[in-house]
Amino acid sequence: MRSDPLALSPRVVLNKIQTTKTVITNILMSKIKFSKEEIDILTRKIQLYFTEELNQEIGQFDAQFLLDFISDEMGSYYYNRGLYDAQAIMKERMETVSEAIYDIEKITEFRK
């Protein structure tokens, strides 16, 4: 069951934001590494692509070498696109929360 974000105290929200910031910073500081199983799957996909689309056989070593090249040289572009997409979603959600907070604000003599 998901909790209502409007029911969280500002201190809890700030704590969650700080925790998220710490996690994201740790992720950005380290190189993305695939597990052995992921490397095997990606290597097989490269081999299959070469066989089916290019009519060329490529060995496991060459496929893994190509995977390393693609990851090192192009991976950051895909990674950054994912960050931009996540940032856009977060911005949209925060606007929704801000609107909801404004909607439940009590009317007083002073209102922003």
N, C-alpha and C. Protein backbone atom coordinates (compact mmCIF):
# COMPACT_ATOMS: atom_id res chain seq x y z
N MET A 1 0.84 -1.17 0.00
CA MET A 1 0.00 0.00 0.00
C MET A 1 0.89 1.24 0.00
N ARG A 2 0.62 2.17 -0.86
CA ARG A 2 1.43 3.38 -0.97
C ARG A 2 0.92 4.41 0.01
N SER A 3 1.85 5.12 0.61
CA SER A 3 1.44 6.15 1.55
C SER A 3 1.13 7.44 0.80
N ASP A 4 0.28 8.23 1.40
CA ASP A 4 -0.10 9.50 0.83
C ASP A 4 1.04 10.49 1.04
N PRO A 5 1.66 11.05 -0.04
CA PRO A 5 2.78 11.96 0.15
C PRO A 5 2.40 13.22 0.90
N LEU A 6 1.12 13.57 0.87
CA LEU A 6 0.69 14.76 1.59
C LEU A 6 0.63 14.54 3.09
N ALA A 7 0.62 13.27 3.52
CA ALA A 7 0.56 12.96 4.93
C ALA A 7 1.94 12.99 5.59
N LEU A 8 3.01 13.14 4.81
CA LEU A 8 4.35 13.16 5.35
C LEU A 8 4.70 14.54 5.89
N SER A 9 5.40 14.54 7.00
CA SER A 9 5.84 15.82 7.56
C SER A 9 6.98 16.38 6.72
N PRO A 10 7.19 17.70 6.75
CA PRO A 10 8.30 18.29 5.99
C PRO A 10 9.65 17.68 6.37
N ARG A 11 9.85 17.34 7.63
CA ARG A 11 11.11 16.75 8.07
C ARG A 11 11.32 15.39 7.40
N VAL A 12 10.26 14.59 7.31
CA VAL A 12 10.36 13.27 6.67
C VAL A 12 10.65 13.44 5.19
N VAL A 13 9.98 14.38 4.54
CA VAL A 13 10.20 14.62 3.12
C VAL A 13 11.65 15.05 2.88
N LEU A 14 12.16 15.98 3.69
CA LEU A 14 13.54 16.42 3.53
C LEU A 14 14.52 15.28 3.77
N ASN A 15 14.22 14.42 4.74
CA ASN A 15 15.08 13.27 5.01
C ASN A 15 15.09 12.32 3.81
N LYS A 16 13.92 12.09 3.21
CA LYS A 16 13.84 11.22 2.04
C LYS A 16 14.59 11.82 0.85
N ILE A 17 14.50 13.13 0.70
CA ILE A 17 15.21 13.80 -0.38
C ILE A 17 16.72 13.66 -0.18
N GLN A 18 17.19 13.87 1.05
CA GLN A 18 18.62 13.75 1.34
C GLN A 18 19.11 12.32 1.11
N THR A 19 18.32 11.34 1.52
CA THR A 19 18.69 9.94 1.31
C THR A 19 18.78 9.64 -0.18
N THR A 20 17.79 10.10 -0.95
CA THR A 20 17.80 9.90 -2.39
C THR A 20 19.01 10.57 -3.03
N LYS A 21 19.32 11.77 -2.58
CA LYS A 21 20.48 12.50 -3.11
C LYS A 21 21.76 11.72 -2.85
N THR A 22 21.89 11.14 -1.66
CA THR A 22 23.07 10.36 -1.31
C THR A 22 23.18 9.13 -2.19
N VAL A 23 22.07 8.43 -2.39
CA VAL A 23 22.06 7.23 -3.23
C VAL A 23 22.46 7.58 -4.66
N ILE A 24 21.88 8.65 -5.20
CA ILE A 24 22.18 9.06 -6.58
C ILE A 24 23.66 9.45 -6.70
N THR A 25 24.19 10.17 -5.73
CA THR A 25 25.60 10.56 -5.75
C THR A 25 26.49 9.33 -5.76
N ASN A 26 26.17 8.33 -4.94
CA ASN A 26 26.96 7.10 -4.91
C ASN A 26 26.92 6.38 -6.25
N ILE A 27 25.77 6.37 -6.89
CA ILE A 27 25.63 5.72 -8.19
C ILE A 27 26.48 6.45 -9.23
N LEU A 28 26.43 7.77 -9.22
CA LEU A 28 27.16 8.55 -10.21
C LEU A 28 28.67 8.43 -10.05
N MET A 29 29.11 8.21 -8.82
CA MET A 29 30.54 8.14 -8.56
C MET A 29 31.14 6.80 -8.98
N SER A 30 30.32 5.78 -9.17
CA SER A 30 30.86 4.46 -9.51
C SER A 30 30.52 4.12 -10.95
N LYS A 31 31.40 3.30 -11.54
CA LYS A 31 31.17 2.83 -12.91
C LYS A 31 30.10 1.76 -12.89
N ILE A 32 29.21 1.80 -13.86
CA ILE A 32 28.15 0.81 -13.94
C ILE A 32 28.78 -0.52 -14.35
N LYS A 33 28.47 -1.55 -13.58
CA LYS A 33 28.99 -2.88 -13.86
C LYS A 33 27.84 -3.85 -14.03
N PHE A 34 27.96 -4.69 -15.04
CA PHE A 34 26.96 -5.72 -15.27
C PHE A 34 27.39 -7.00 -14.54
N SER A 35 26.40 -7.77 -14.11
CA SER A 35 26.68 -9.07 -13.51
C SER A 35 27.15 -10.02 -14.62
N LYS A 36 27.73 -11.16 -14.23
CA LYS A 36 28.17 -12.15 -15.22
C LYS A 36 27.00 -12.61 -16.07
N GLU A 37 25.82 -12.80 -15.43
CA GLU A 37 24.64 -13.24 -16.17
C GLU A 37 24.21 -12.19 -17.19
N GLU A 38 24.26 -10.92 -16.81
CA GLU A 38 23.89 -9.85 -17.73
C GLU A 38 24.87 -9.77 -18.90
N ILE A 39 26.17 -9.91 -18.60
CA ILE A 39 27.18 -9.89 -19.65
C ILE A 39 26.95 -11.04 -20.63
N ASP A 40 26.65 -12.22 -20.09
CA ASP A 40 26.38 -13.37 -20.95
C ASP A 40 25.18 -13.13 -21.86
N ILE A 41 24.11 -12.58 -21.30
CA ILE A 41 22.91 -12.30 -22.10
C ILE A 41 23.21 -11.27 -23.18
N LEU A 42 23.87 -10.18 -22.81
CA LEU A 42 24.18 -9.12 -23.77
C LEU A 42 25.14 -9.61 -24.85
N THR A 43 26.09 -10.42 -24.46
CA THR A 43 27.04 -10.98 -25.43
C THR A 43 26.31 -11.87 -26.43
N ARG A 44 25.40 -12.71 -25.93
CA ARG A 44 24.62 -13.57 -26.83
C ARG A 44 23.76 -12.73 -27.77
N LYS A 45 23.20 -11.64 -27.26
CA LYS A 45 22.38 -10.76 -28.12
C LYS A 45 23.23 -10.15 -29.24
N ILE A 46 24.45 -9.76 -28.92
CA ILE A 46 25.34 -9.21 -29.95
C ILE A 46 25.67 -10.28 -30.98
N GLN A 47 25.98 -11.47 -30.51
CA GLN A 47 26.28 -12.57 -31.43
C GLN A 47 25.09 -12.88 -32.34
N LEU A 48 23.89 -12.90 -31.76
CA LEU A 48 22.68 -13.17 -32.52
C LEU A 48 22.44 -12.07 -33.56
N TYR A 49 22.66 -10.82 -33.18
CA TYR A 49 22.48 -9.71 -34.10
C TYR A 49 23.43 -9.86 -35.30
N PHE A 50 24.69 -10.15 -35.00
CA PHE A 50 25.67 -10.30 -36.09
C PHE A 50 25.27 -11.45 -37.02
N THR A 51 24.79 -12.54 -36.45
CA THR A 51 24.40 -13.69 -37.25
C THR A 51 23.17 -13.40 -38.10
N GLU A 52 22.12 -12.87 -37.48
CA GLU A 52 20.85 -12.68 -38.19
C GLU A 52 20.83 -11.45 -39.09
N GLU A 53 21.44 -10.38 -38.68
CA GLU A 53 21.35 -9.12 -39.45
C GLU A 53 22.52 -8.89 -40.39
N LEU A 54 23.70 -9.38 -40.01
CA LEU A 54 24.89 -9.10 -40.80
C LEU A 54 25.47 -10.34 -41.48
N ASN A 55 24.83 -11.50 -41.23
CA ASN A 55 25.30 -12.77 -41.79
C ASN A 55 26.79 -12.99 -41.50
N GLN A 56 27.18 -12.68 -40.27
CA GLN A 56 28.57 -12.84 -39.84
C GLN A 56 28.58 -13.54 -38.50
N GLU A 57 29.51 -14.46 -38.35
CA GLU A 57 29.70 -15.11 -37.06
C GLU A 57 30.67 -14.26 -36.24
N ILE A 58 30.37 -14.10 -34.97
CA ILE A 58 31.27 -13.37 -34.08
C ILE A 58 31.40 -14.22 -32.81
N GLY A 59 32.63 -14.39 -32.37
CA GLY A 59 32.89 -15.20 -31.20
C GLY A 59 32.51 -14.48 -29.91
N GLN A 60 32.48 -15.24 -28.83
CA GLN A 60 32.11 -14.68 -27.53
C GLN A 60 33.08 -13.57 -27.10
N PHE A 61 34.38 -13.81 -27.30
CA PHE A 61 35.37 -12.81 -26.92
C PHE A 61 35.16 -11.51 -27.68
N ASP A 62 34.98 -11.61 -29.00
CA ASP A 62 34.77 -10.41 -29.82
C ASP A 62 33.47 -9.69 -29.46
N ALA A 63 32.43 -10.48 -29.17
CA ALA A 63 31.15 -9.88 -28.79
C ALA A 63 31.28 -9.14 -27.45
N GLN A 64 32.00 -9.74 -26.52
CA GLN A 64 32.19 -9.09 -25.22
C GLN A 64 33.07 -7.85 -25.37
N PHE A 65 34.07 -7.91 -26.24
CA PHE A 65 34.91 -6.76 -26.52
C PHE A 65 34.08 -5.62 -27.10
N LEU A 66 33.16 -5.94 -28.03
CA LEU A 66 32.27 -4.94 -28.61
C LEU A 66 31.34 -4.37 -27.54
N LEU A 67 30.82 -5.23 -26.66
CA LEU A 67 29.98 -4.77 -25.57
C LEU A 67 30.72 -3.78 -24.67
N ASP A 68 31.97 -4.09 -24.35
CA ASP A 68 32.78 -3.18 -23.53
C ASP A 68 32.98 -1.84 -24.23
N PHE A 69 33.24 -1.90 -25.53
CA PHE A 69 33.42 -0.67 -26.30
C PHE A 69 32.15 0.18 -26.29
N ILE A 70 31.02 -0.45 -26.57
CA ILE A 70 29.74 0.27 -26.60
C ILE A 70 29.45 0.86 -25.23
N SER A 71 29.65 0.07 -24.18
CA SER A 71 29.39 0.55 -22.82
C SER A 71 30.27 1.74 -22.47
N ASP A 72 31.57 1.63 -22.78
CA ASP A 72 32.50 2.69 -22.43
C ASP A 72 32.30 3.95 -23.25
N GLU A 73 32.04 3.78 -24.54
CA GLU A 73 31.99 4.93 -25.45
C GLU A 73 30.60 5.54 -25.61
N MET A 74 29.55 4.74 -25.44
CA MET A 74 28.20 5.24 -25.68
C MET A 74 27.27 5.10 -24.49
N GLY A 75 27.65 4.31 -23.53
CA GLY A 75 26.80 4.05 -22.38
C GLY A 75 26.36 5.31 -21.65
N SER A 76 27.26 6.27 -21.55
CA SER A 76 26.94 7.51 -20.84
C SER A 76 25.79 8.28 -21.49
N TYR A 77 25.69 8.18 -22.80
CA TYR A 77 24.59 8.86 -23.50
C TYR A 77 23.24 8.25 -23.10
N TYR A 78 23.18 6.93 -23.06
CA TYR A 78 21.95 6.25 -22.65
C TYR A 78 21.66 6.50 -21.17
N TYR A 79 22.70 6.46 -20.36
CA TYR A 79 22.56 6.70 -18.93
C TYR A 79 22.01 8.11 -18.68
N ASN A 80 22.61 9.10 -19.35
CA ASN A 80 22.16 10.48 -19.18
C ASN A 80 20.72 10.67 -19.64
N ARG A 81 20.35 10.01 -20.74
CA ARG A 81 18.96 10.10 -21.23
C ARG A 81 18.01 9.56 -20.17
N GLY A 82 18.39 8.46 -19.53
CA GLY A 82 17.58 7.90 -18.44
C GLY A 82 17.44 8.87 -17.29
N LEU A 83 18.54 9.57 -16.96
CA LEU A 83 18.48 10.57 -15.89
C LEU A 83 17.56 11.72 -16.28
N TYR A 84 17.65 12.19 -17.52
CA TYR A 84 16.78 13.28 -17.97
C TYR A 84 15.31 12.87 -17.90
N ASP A 85 15.03 11.64 -18.32
CA ASP A 85 13.65 11.15 -18.28
C ASP A 85 13.16 11.05 -16.84
N ALA A 86 14.01 10.54 -15.94
CA ALA A 86 13.64 10.43 -14.52
C ALA A 86 13.43 11.81 -13.92
N GLN A 87 14.29 12.76 -14.30
CA GLN A 87 14.16 14.12 -13.78
C GLN A 87 12.84 14.75 -14.24
N ALA A 88 12.45 14.52 -15.47
CA ALA A 88 11.19 15.07 -15.98
C ALA A 88 10.00 14.48 -15.22
N ILE A 89 10.06 13.18 -14.94
CA ILE A 89 8.98 12.54 -14.18
C ILE A 89 8.92 13.12 -12.77
N MET A 90 10.08 13.27 -12.13
CA MET A 90 10.12 13.82 -10.77
C MET A 90 9.58 15.25 -10.75
N LYS A 91 9.95 16.03 -11.74
CA LYS A 91 9.48 17.42 -11.81
C LYS A 91 7.95 17.46 -11.92
N GLU A 92 7.42 16.59 -12.77
CA GLU A 92 5.97 16.52 -12.95
C GLU A 92 5.28 16.12 -11.65
N ARG A 93 5.84 15.13 -10.97
CA ARG A 93 5.25 14.66 -9.71
C ARG A 93 5.32 15.74 -8.64
N MET A 94 6.44 16.46 -8.57
CA MET A 94 6.58 17.51 -7.57
C MET A 94 5.60 18.65 -7.83
N GLU A 95 5.34 18.95 -9.10
CA GLU A 95 4.35 19.97 -9.43
C GLU A 95 2.97 19.54 -8.96
N THR A 96 2.66 18.26 -9.13
CA THR A 96 1.39 17.73 -8.67
C THR A 96 1.28 17.85 -7.16
N VAL A 97 2.35 17.51 -6.45
CA VAL A 97 2.35 17.62 -4.98
C VAL A 97 2.19 19.08 -4.58
N SER A 98 2.91 19.99 -5.24
CA SER A 98 2.80 21.41 -4.92
C SER A 98 1.38 21.93 -5.11
N GLU A 99 0.75 21.50 -6.20
CA GLU A 99 -0.63 21.90 -6.46
C GLU A 99 -1.56 21.35 -5.38
N ALA A 100 -1.34 20.12 -4.98
CA ALA A 100 -2.18 19.50 -3.94
C ALA A 100 -2.01 20.22 -2.61
N ILE A 101 -0.79 20.62 -2.31
CA ILE A 101 -0.55 21.37 -1.06
C ILE A 101 -1.26 22.71 -1.12
N TYR A 102 -1.16 23.38 -2.25
CA TYR A 102 -1.84 24.66 -2.40
C TYR A 102 -3.35 24.49 -2.25
N ASP A 103 -3.90 23.41 -2.80
CA ASP A 103 -5.33 23.16 -2.73
C ASP A 103 -5.83 22.96 -1.30
N ILE A 104 -5.00 22.41 -0.42
CA ILE A 104 -5.46 22.14 0.95
C ILE A 104 -5.05 23.26 1.92
N GLU A 105 -4.40 24.28 1.38
CA GLU A 105 -4.01 25.41 2.23
C GLU A 105 -5.26 26.08 2.80
N LYS A 106 -5.21 26.41 4.08
CA LYS A 106 -6.33 27.07 4.76
C LYS A 106 -6.31 28.57 4.40
N ILE A 107 -7.48 29.12 4.21
CA ILE A 107 -7.61 30.54 3.87
C ILE A 107 -7.36 31.36 5.13
N THR A 108 -6.45 32.30 5.00
CA THR A 108 -6.15 33.25 6.09
C THR A 108 -6.07 34.63 5.48
N GLU A 109 -5.78 35.60 6.32
CA GLU A 109 -5.62 36.96 5.80
C GLU A 109 -4.36 37.06 4.95
N PHE A 110 -3.41 36.20 5.25
CA PHE A 110 -2.17 36.18 4.47
C PHE A 110 -2.13 34.91 3.66
N ARG A 111 -2.11 35.04 2.35
CA ARG A 111 -2.01 33.88 1.47
C ARG A 111 -1.09 34.24 0.31
N LYS A 112 -0.16 33.37 0.03
CA LYS A 112 0.80 33.63 -1.04
C LYS A 112 0.12 33.68 -2.38
